[in-house]
């Protein structure tokens, strides 16, 4: 069985200039966990929910901090200012293009490759989706772990 027998040809995509906020909405609306980033028909990256969630990670602070009596007055004001900066930063992030957070090194496969080959690439590189491109590098479909499992169930 070949990749073309199990791939999805109706691929949800975005361009590298699509704002992060719009990509997040697209993932939700289309009920997909990731999608290829395509410019001029060619795959230039891939973005997943995980890439977007990384934007919300808060760095851990090491050690214990105890305020001095003078800092007790300053801390609420400083925290309020930090919260405002964080809010502004998150609003700014949503308007940035997806190319700033997408994975640029993308594994792809051809439609005539076997599903065993696709499964090997997916497993070896621990990815969930594999763009399917023709000999010119143009996106023609996508194959996921679920597509392969469903294909195997039809054998």
N, C-alpha and C. Protein backbone atom coordinates (compact mmCIF):
# COMPACT_ATOMS: atom_id res chain seq x y z
N UNK A 1 0.85 -1.18 0.00
CA UNK A 1 0.00 0.00 0.00
C UNK A 1 0.90 1.24 0.00
N UNK A 2 0.52 2.21 -0.82
CA UNK A 2 1.31 3.43 -0.95
C UNK A 2 0.70 4.59 -0.16
N UNK A 3 1.51 5.60 0.03
CA UNK A 3 1.08 6.80 0.74
C UNK A 3 -0.15 7.41 0.06
N UNK A 4 -0.17 7.42 -1.28
CA UNK A 4 -1.29 8.03 -2.01
C UNK A 4 -2.62 7.33 -1.70
N UNK A 5 -2.56 6.08 -1.24
CA UNK A 5 -3.77 5.34 -0.91
C UNK A 5 -4.37 5.73 0.43
N UNK A 6 -3.58 6.36 1.30
CA UNK A 6 -4.07 6.68 2.65
C UNK A 6 -4.00 8.18 2.98
N UNK A 7 -3.31 8.96 2.14
CA UNK A 7 -3.11 10.39 2.47
C UNK A 7 -4.40 11.18 2.32
N UNK A 8 -4.43 12.31 2.99
CA UNK A 8 -5.54 13.26 2.89
C UNK A 8 -5.12 14.33 1.87
N UNK A 9 -5.93 14.53 0.84
CA UNK A 9 -5.58 15.52 -0.19
C UNK A 9 -6.17 16.90 0.09
N UNK A 10 -7.07 16.99 1.05
CA UNK A 10 -7.64 18.28 1.43
C UNK A 10 -6.88 18.79 2.65
N UNK A 11 -5.72 19.38 2.38
CA UNK A 11 -4.80 19.77 3.44
C UNK A 11 -5.09 21.20 3.90
N UNK A 12 -5.19 21.37 5.20
CA UNK A 12 -5.32 22.70 5.79
C UNK A 12 -3.91 23.28 5.85
N UNK A 13 -3.72 24.46 5.26
CA UNK A 13 -2.40 25.09 5.24
C UNK A 13 -2.51 26.56 5.61
N UNK A 14 -1.35 27.17 5.78
CA UNK A 14 -1.27 28.62 5.95
C UNK A 14 0.00 29.07 5.23
N UNK A 15 0.16 30.36 5.07
CA UNK A 15 1.39 30.88 4.48
C UNK A 15 2.34 31.29 5.61
N UNK A 16 3.58 31.52 5.27
CA UNK A 16 4.57 31.89 6.30
C UNK A 16 4.28 33.26 6.90
N UNK A 17 3.47 34.07 6.22
CA UNK A 17 3.14 35.41 6.72
C UNK A 17 1.83 35.45 7.53
N UNK A 18 1.12 34.34 7.62
CA UNK A 18 -0.13 34.29 8.38
C UNK A 18 0.18 34.58 9.85
N UNK A 19 -0.57 35.49 10.47
CA UNK A 19 -0.34 35.79 11.90
C UNK A 19 -0.58 34.57 12.78
N UNK A 20 0.20 34.46 13.84
CA UNK A 20 0.10 33.34 14.77
C UNK A 20 -1.33 33.19 15.29
N UNK A 21 -1.98 34.30 15.60
CA UNK A 21 -3.36 34.28 16.12
C UNK A 21 -4.29 33.57 15.13
N UNK A 22 -4.15 33.88 13.83
CA UNK A 22 -5.00 33.27 12.80
C UNK A 22 -4.73 31.78 12.67
N UNK A 23 -3.46 31.38 12.78
CA UNK A 23 -3.12 29.96 12.70
C UNK A 23 -3.74 29.21 13.87
N UNK A 24 -3.67 29.79 15.07
CA UNK A 24 -4.28 29.15 16.24
C UNK A 24 -5.78 28.95 16.03
N UNK A 25 -6.44 29.96 15.47
CA UNK A 25 -7.88 29.86 15.19
C UNK A 25 -8.15 28.80 14.12
N UNK A 26 -7.28 28.72 13.12
CA UNK A 26 -7.43 27.73 12.04
C UNK A 26 -7.30 26.31 12.59
N UNK A 27 -6.34 26.09 13.46
CA UNK A 27 -6.17 24.76 14.07
C UNK A 27 -7.44 24.36 14.81
N UNK A 28 -8.01 25.31 15.55
CA UNK A 28 -9.23 25.01 16.32
C UNK A 28 -10.42 24.77 15.40
N UNK A 29 -10.62 25.67 14.43
CA UNK A 29 -11.77 25.56 13.53
C UNK A 29 -11.77 24.27 12.72
N UNK A 30 -10.58 23.88 12.25
CA UNK A 30 -10.47 22.69 11.38
C UNK A 30 -10.21 21.41 12.17
N UNK A 31 -10.10 21.52 13.50
CA UNK A 31 -9.86 20.37 14.38
C UNK A 31 -8.63 19.57 13.94
N UNK A 32 -7.54 20.29 13.70
CA UNK A 32 -6.27 19.64 13.39
C UNK A 32 -5.24 20.11 14.42
N UNK A 33 -4.22 19.29 14.64
CA UNK A 33 -3.22 19.63 15.66
C UNK A 33 -1.96 20.24 15.05
N UNK A 34 -1.92 20.31 13.73
CA UNK A 34 -0.78 20.92 13.07
C UNK A 34 -1.06 21.02 11.58
N UNK A 35 -0.23 21.85 10.91
CA UNK A 35 -0.45 22.02 9.47
C UNK A 35 0.82 22.49 8.77
N UNK A 36 0.92 22.18 7.47
CA UNK A 36 2.07 22.65 6.71
C UNK A 36 1.96 24.15 6.43
N UNK A 37 3.10 24.80 6.39
CA UNK A 37 3.19 26.20 6.02
C UNK A 37 3.67 26.20 4.57
N UNK A 38 2.86 26.79 3.69
CA UNK A 38 3.11 26.69 2.25
C UNK A 38 3.20 28.07 1.62
N UNK A 39 4.25 28.27 0.84
CA UNK A 39 4.42 29.48 0.04
C UNK A 39 4.63 29.05 -1.41
N UNK A 40 3.81 29.54 -2.31
CA UNK A 40 3.95 29.19 -3.72
C UNK A 40 3.81 27.70 -3.99
N UNK A 41 2.97 27.03 -3.22
CA UNK A 41 2.75 25.60 -3.41
C UNK A 41 3.79 24.71 -2.76
N UNK A 42 4.88 25.29 -2.28
CA UNK A 42 5.98 24.52 -1.68
C UNK A 42 5.91 24.59 -0.16
N UNK A 43 6.21 23.49 0.49
CA UNK A 43 6.22 23.43 1.95
C UNK A 43 7.50 24.12 2.45
N UNK A 44 7.32 25.17 3.26
CA UNK A 44 8.46 25.91 3.80
C UNK A 44 8.60 25.72 5.31
N UNK A 45 7.62 25.04 5.90
CA UNK A 45 7.66 24.80 7.34
C UNK A 45 6.46 23.99 7.77
N UNK A 46 6.40 23.73 9.05
CA UNK A 46 5.25 23.04 9.62
C UNK A 46 5.04 23.62 11.01
N UNK A 47 3.79 23.74 11.42
CA UNK A 47 3.48 24.32 12.74
C UNK A 47 2.48 23.41 13.44
N UNK A 48 2.67 23.28 14.74
CA UNK A 48 1.78 22.43 15.53
C UNK A 48 1.25 23.21 16.72
N UNK A 49 0.27 22.61 17.38
CA UNK A 49 -0.25 23.20 18.61
C UNK A 49 0.88 23.39 19.61
N UNK A 50 1.80 22.45 19.64
CA UNK A 50 2.93 22.53 20.56
C UNK A 50 3.79 23.76 20.34
N UNK A 51 3.98 24.13 19.06
CA UNK A 51 4.76 25.33 18.75
C UNK A 51 4.09 26.57 19.32
N UNK A 52 2.77 26.61 19.22
CA UNK A 52 2.03 27.77 19.72
C UNK A 52 2.00 27.76 21.25
N UNK A 53 1.84 26.58 21.84
CA UNK A 53 1.82 26.49 23.31
C UNK A 53 3.15 26.89 23.93
N UNK A 54 4.25 26.68 23.22
CA UNK A 54 5.56 27.09 23.74
C UNK A 54 5.63 28.59 24.00
N UNK A 55 4.80 29.35 23.30
CA UNK A 55 4.78 30.80 23.51
C UNK A 55 4.27 31.16 24.90
N UNK A 56 3.53 30.25 25.51
CA UNK A 56 2.94 30.52 26.82
C UNK A 56 3.79 30.03 27.97
N UNK A 57 4.91 29.35 27.66
CA UNK A 57 5.77 28.84 28.73
C UNK A 57 6.35 30.00 29.53
N UNK A 58 6.34 29.84 30.82
CA UNK A 58 6.90 30.85 31.72
C UNK A 58 8.21 30.29 32.27
N UNK A 59 9.30 31.02 32.09
CA UNK A 59 10.58 30.51 32.61
C UNK A 59 10.53 30.35 34.12
N UNK A 60 11.15 29.27 34.61
CA UNK A 60 11.18 29.03 36.05
C UNK A 60 12.22 29.91 36.71
N UNK A 61 11.87 30.38 37.89
CA UNK A 61 12.82 31.17 38.67
C UNK A 61 13.49 30.24 39.65
N UNK A 62 14.81 30.26 39.67
CA UNK A 62 15.54 29.38 40.58
C UNK A 62 15.71 30.01 41.94
N UNK A 63 15.67 29.21 42.94
CA UNK A 63 15.95 29.69 44.30
C UNK A 63 14.76 30.36 44.95
N UNK A 64 14.90 30.63 46.20
CA UNK A 64 13.87 31.27 47.00
C UNK A 64 14.22 32.73 47.18
N UNK A 65 13.26 33.59 46.99
CA UNK A 65 13.48 35.03 47.14
C UNK A 65 12.61 35.54 48.27
N UNK A 66 13.23 36.15 49.24
CA UNK A 66 12.49 36.74 50.35
C UNK A 66 12.70 38.25 50.30
N UNK A 67 11.62 39.02 50.28
CA UNK A 67 11.76 40.47 50.17
C UNK A 67 12.22 41.11 51.47
N UNK A 68 12.93 42.21 51.31
CA UNK A 68 13.30 43.02 52.48
C UNK A 68 12.07 43.86 52.85
N UNK A 69 12.06 44.47 54.03
CA UNK A 69 10.91 45.30 54.41
C UNK A 69 10.62 46.42 53.39
N UNK A 70 11.67 46.97 52.79
CA UNK A 70 11.46 48.04 51.80
C UNK A 70 10.85 47.50 50.50
N UNK A 71 11.23 46.26 50.16
CA UNK A 71 10.72 45.66 48.93
C UNK A 71 9.26 45.25 49.04
N UNK A 72 8.77 45.05 50.25
CA UNK A 72 7.37 44.65 50.44
C UNK A 72 6.44 45.67 49.80
N UNK A 73 6.81 46.94 49.88
CA UNK A 73 6.00 47.99 49.28
C UNK A 73 6.18 48.00 47.76
N UNK A 74 7.41 47.73 47.32
CA UNK A 74 7.74 47.80 45.90
C UNK A 74 7.20 46.61 45.11
N UNK A 75 7.14 45.43 45.71
CA UNK A 75 6.79 44.20 45.00
C UNK A 75 5.44 44.28 44.29
N UNK A 76 4.34 44.69 44.94
CA UNK A 76 3.06 44.72 44.22
C UNK A 76 3.12 45.61 42.98
N UNK A 77 3.79 46.74 43.09
CA UNK A 77 3.91 47.64 41.95
C UNK A 77 4.72 46.99 40.83
N UNK A 78 5.85 46.36 41.20
CA UNK A 78 6.70 45.71 40.22
C UNK A 78 5.94 44.57 39.53
N UNK A 79 5.20 43.77 40.30
CA UNK A 79 4.44 42.65 39.73
C UNK A 79 3.34 43.16 38.79
N UNK A 80 2.70 44.26 39.16
CA UNK A 80 1.68 44.85 38.31
C UNK A 80 2.30 45.28 36.98
N UNK A 81 3.45 45.92 37.03
CA UNK A 81 4.14 46.34 35.81
C UNK A 81 4.55 45.13 34.97
N UNK A 82 5.06 44.06 35.61
CA UNK A 82 5.43 42.85 34.88
C UNK A 82 4.21 42.23 34.21
N UNK A 83 3.07 42.21 34.89
CA UNK A 83 1.85 41.66 34.31
C UNK A 83 1.44 42.45 33.07
N UNK A 84 1.51 43.78 33.15
CA UNK A 84 1.16 44.61 32.00
C UNK A 84 2.10 44.33 30.82
N UNK A 85 3.40 44.20 31.11
CA UNK A 85 4.37 43.88 30.05
C UNK A 85 4.07 42.52 29.44
N UNK A 86 3.74 41.54 30.28
CA UNK A 86 3.42 40.20 29.79
C UNK A 86 2.18 40.22 28.91
N UNK A 87 1.14 40.94 29.35
CA UNK A 87 -0.07 41.05 28.54
C UNK A 87 0.23 41.67 27.18
N UNK A 88 0.99 42.76 27.18
CA UNK A 88 1.35 43.42 25.93
C UNK A 88 2.16 42.49 25.03
N UNK A 89 3.08 41.73 25.63
CA UNK A 89 3.91 40.83 24.86
C UNK A 89 3.06 39.76 24.19
N UNK A 90 2.09 39.18 24.92
CA UNK A 90 1.23 38.14 24.36
C UNK A 90 0.36 38.69 23.24
N UNK A 91 -0.12 39.92 23.38
CA UNK A 91 -0.91 40.53 22.31
C UNK A 91 -0.05 40.75 21.08
N UNK A 92 1.20 41.19 21.27
CA UNK A 92 2.12 41.40 20.15
C UNK A 92 2.45 40.09 19.46
N UNK A 93 2.62 39.01 20.23
CA UNK A 93 2.99 37.72 19.66
C UNK A 93 1.93 37.24 18.68
N UNK A 94 0.67 37.43 19.00
CA UNK A 94 -0.41 36.96 18.14
C UNK A 94 -0.40 37.59 16.76
N UNK A 95 0.17 38.77 16.64
CA UNK A 95 0.17 39.44 15.34
C UNK A 95 1.44 39.15 14.54
N UNK A 96 2.40 38.45 15.13
CA UNK A 96 3.63 38.11 14.41
C UNK A 96 3.36 37.00 13.40
N UNK A 97 4.14 36.94 12.33
CA UNK A 97 3.92 35.88 11.32
C UNK A 97 4.35 34.51 11.86
N UNK A 98 3.68 33.49 11.38
CA UNK A 98 3.93 32.12 11.85
C UNK A 98 5.36 31.68 11.54
N UNK A 99 5.99 32.30 10.56
CA UNK A 99 7.36 31.90 10.21
C UNK A 99 8.33 32.08 11.37
N UNK A 100 7.96 32.89 12.36
CA UNK A 100 8.83 33.12 13.51
C UNK A 100 8.85 31.94 14.49
N UNK A 101 7.83 31.09 14.43
CA UNK A 101 7.80 29.96 15.37
C UNK A 101 7.68 28.60 14.69
N UNK A 102 7.46 28.57 13.37
CA UNK A 102 7.28 27.29 12.68
C UNK A 102 8.58 26.49 12.67
N UNK A 103 8.45 25.19 12.52
CA UNK A 103 9.61 24.32 12.32
C UNK A 103 9.98 24.41 10.85
N UNK A 104 11.22 24.81 10.60
CA UNK A 104 11.63 25.04 9.21
C UNK A 104 12.19 23.79 8.53
N UNK A 105 12.75 22.88 9.30
CA UNK A 105 13.26 21.64 8.70
C UNK A 105 12.12 20.62 8.70
N UNK A 106 11.56 20.39 7.52
CA UNK A 106 10.37 19.56 7.39
C UNK A 106 10.72 18.25 6.68
N UNK A 107 10.27 17.16 7.25
CA UNK A 107 10.39 15.87 6.57
C UNK A 107 9.17 15.73 5.68
N UNK A 108 9.37 15.22 4.48
CA UNK A 108 8.26 15.02 3.54
C UNK A 108 8.47 13.68 2.85
N UNK A 109 7.43 13.24 2.15
CA UNK A 109 7.48 11.96 1.46
C UNK A 109 6.71 12.08 0.16
N UNK A 110 7.01 11.22 -0.79
CA UNK A 110 6.30 11.21 -2.07
C UNK A 110 5.07 10.34 -2.02
N UNK A 111 4.11 10.60 -2.90
CA UNK A 111 2.85 9.83 -2.90
C UNK A 111 3.04 8.36 -3.27
N UNK A 112 4.10 8.04 -4.00
CA UNK A 112 4.33 6.65 -4.41
C UNK A 112 5.17 5.86 -3.42
N UNK A 113 5.58 6.50 -2.33
CA UNK A 113 6.33 5.80 -1.28
C UNK A 113 5.39 4.86 -0.54
N UNK A 114 5.96 3.83 0.05
CA UNK A 114 5.13 2.87 0.78
C UNK A 114 4.72 3.46 2.14
N UNK A 115 3.62 2.94 2.68
CA UNK A 115 3.21 3.41 4.00
C UNK A 115 4.21 2.94 5.06
N UNK A 116 4.94 1.87 4.76
CA UNK A 116 6.00 1.44 5.68
C UNK A 116 7.09 2.50 5.77
N UNK A 117 7.46 3.08 4.60
CA UNK A 117 8.46 4.15 4.58
C UNK A 117 7.96 5.37 5.36
N UNK A 118 6.69 5.72 5.14
CA UNK A 118 6.11 6.86 5.86
C UNK A 118 6.11 6.60 7.36
N UNK A 119 5.75 5.40 7.74
CA UNK A 119 5.72 5.03 9.15
C UNK A 119 7.11 5.11 9.77
N UNK A 120 8.12 4.69 9.02
CA UNK A 120 9.50 4.75 9.50
C UNK A 120 9.92 6.20 9.75
N UNK A 121 9.62 7.09 8.80
CA UNK A 121 9.99 8.51 8.95
C UNK A 121 9.27 9.11 10.16
N UNK A 122 7.98 8.84 10.29
CA UNK A 122 7.19 9.37 11.40
C UNK A 122 7.73 8.88 12.74
N UNK A 123 8.03 7.60 12.82
CA UNK A 123 8.53 7.03 14.08
C UNK A 123 9.94 7.50 14.40
N UNK A 124 10.81 7.46 13.39
CA UNK A 124 12.21 7.82 13.61
C UNK A 124 12.37 9.27 14.08
N UNK A 125 11.58 10.16 13.50
CA UNK A 125 11.72 11.58 13.81
C UNK A 125 10.68 12.08 14.82
N UNK A 126 9.87 11.15 15.33
CA UNK A 126 8.86 11.47 16.34
C UNK A 126 7.98 12.65 15.94
N UNK A 127 7.39 12.51 14.77
CA UNK A 127 6.49 13.54 14.26
C UNK A 127 5.10 12.94 14.09
N UNK A 128 4.10 13.78 14.00
CA UNK A 128 2.72 13.31 13.90
C UNK A 128 2.15 13.38 12.50
N UNK A 129 2.75 14.20 11.66
CA UNK A 129 2.21 14.39 10.31
C UNK A 129 3.36 14.53 9.33
N UNK A 130 3.12 14.09 8.10
CA UNK A 130 4.15 14.09 7.08
C UNK A 130 3.57 14.66 5.79
N UNK A 131 4.03 15.83 5.37
CA UNK A 131 3.55 16.38 4.10
C UNK A 131 3.91 15.45 2.95
N UNK A 132 3.02 15.34 1.99
CA UNK A 132 3.27 14.52 0.80
C UNK A 132 3.48 15.49 -0.36
N UNK A 133 4.64 15.38 -1.00
CA UNK A 133 4.99 16.29 -2.08
C UNK A 133 5.28 15.51 -3.36
N UNK A 134 4.98 16.14 -4.50
CA UNK A 134 5.29 15.50 -5.79
C UNK A 134 6.76 15.70 -6.12
N UNK A 135 7.17 15.24 -7.29
CA UNK A 135 8.59 15.32 -7.67
C UNK A 135 9.10 16.75 -7.78
N UNK A 136 8.19 17.73 -7.95
CA UNK A 136 8.59 19.15 -8.01
C UNK A 136 8.63 19.79 -6.62
N UNK A 137 8.23 19.04 -5.60
CA UNK A 137 8.22 19.59 -4.25
C UNK A 137 6.93 20.31 -3.90
N UNK A 138 5.91 20.16 -4.76
CA UNK A 138 4.62 20.80 -4.51
C UNK A 138 3.78 19.92 -3.59
N UNK A 139 3.14 20.54 -2.61
CA UNK A 139 2.30 19.81 -1.66
C UNK A 139 1.09 19.20 -2.37
N UNK A 140 0.91 17.88 -2.21
CA UNK A 140 -0.24 17.20 -2.81
C UNK A 140 -1.11 16.50 -1.76
N UNK A 141 -0.64 16.45 -0.52
CA UNK A 141 -1.41 15.79 0.53
C UNK A 141 -0.66 15.79 1.84
N UNK A 142 -1.24 15.11 2.79
CA UNK A 142 -0.60 14.94 4.10
C UNK A 142 -0.98 13.56 4.62
N UNK A 143 -0.06 12.93 5.31
CA UNK A 143 -0.34 11.63 5.91
C UNK A 143 0.01 11.72 7.39
N UNK A 144 -0.90 11.21 8.21
CA UNK A 144 -0.72 11.23 9.66
C UNK A 144 -0.59 9.80 10.18
N UNK A 145 -0.24 9.70 11.43
CA UNK A 145 -0.18 8.38 12.06
C UNK A 145 -1.52 7.66 11.92
N UNK A 146 -2.59 8.41 12.18
CA UNK A 146 -3.93 7.82 12.08
C UNK A 146 -4.26 7.32 10.68
N UNK A 147 -3.82 8.07 9.64
CA UNK A 147 -4.05 7.64 8.26
C UNK A 147 -3.38 6.29 7.99
N UNK A 148 -2.16 6.15 8.49
CA UNK A 148 -1.42 4.90 8.28
C UNK A 148 -2.10 3.74 9.00
N UNK A 149 -2.50 3.97 10.24
CA UNK A 149 -3.19 2.92 11.01
C UNK A 149 -4.49 2.54 10.33
N UNK A 150 -5.27 3.53 9.86
CA UNK A 150 -6.51 3.23 9.15
C UNK A 150 -6.24 2.44 7.87
N UNK A 151 -5.16 2.80 7.18
CA UNK A 151 -4.79 2.07 5.95
C UNK A 151 -4.43 0.63 6.24
N UNK A 152 -3.72 0.41 7.32
CA UNK A 152 -3.35 -0.95 7.69
C UNK A 152 -4.58 -1.78 8.05
N UNK A 153 -5.59 -1.13 8.61
CA UNK A 153 -6.83 -1.82 8.96
C UNK A 153 -7.62 -2.28 7.75
N UNK A 154 -7.34 -1.70 6.58
CA UNK A 154 -8.05 -2.06 5.35
C UNK A 154 -7.38 -3.22 4.61
N UNK A 155 -6.18 -3.61 5.06
CA UNK A 155 -5.45 -4.69 4.37
C UNK A 155 -6.12 -6.03 4.60
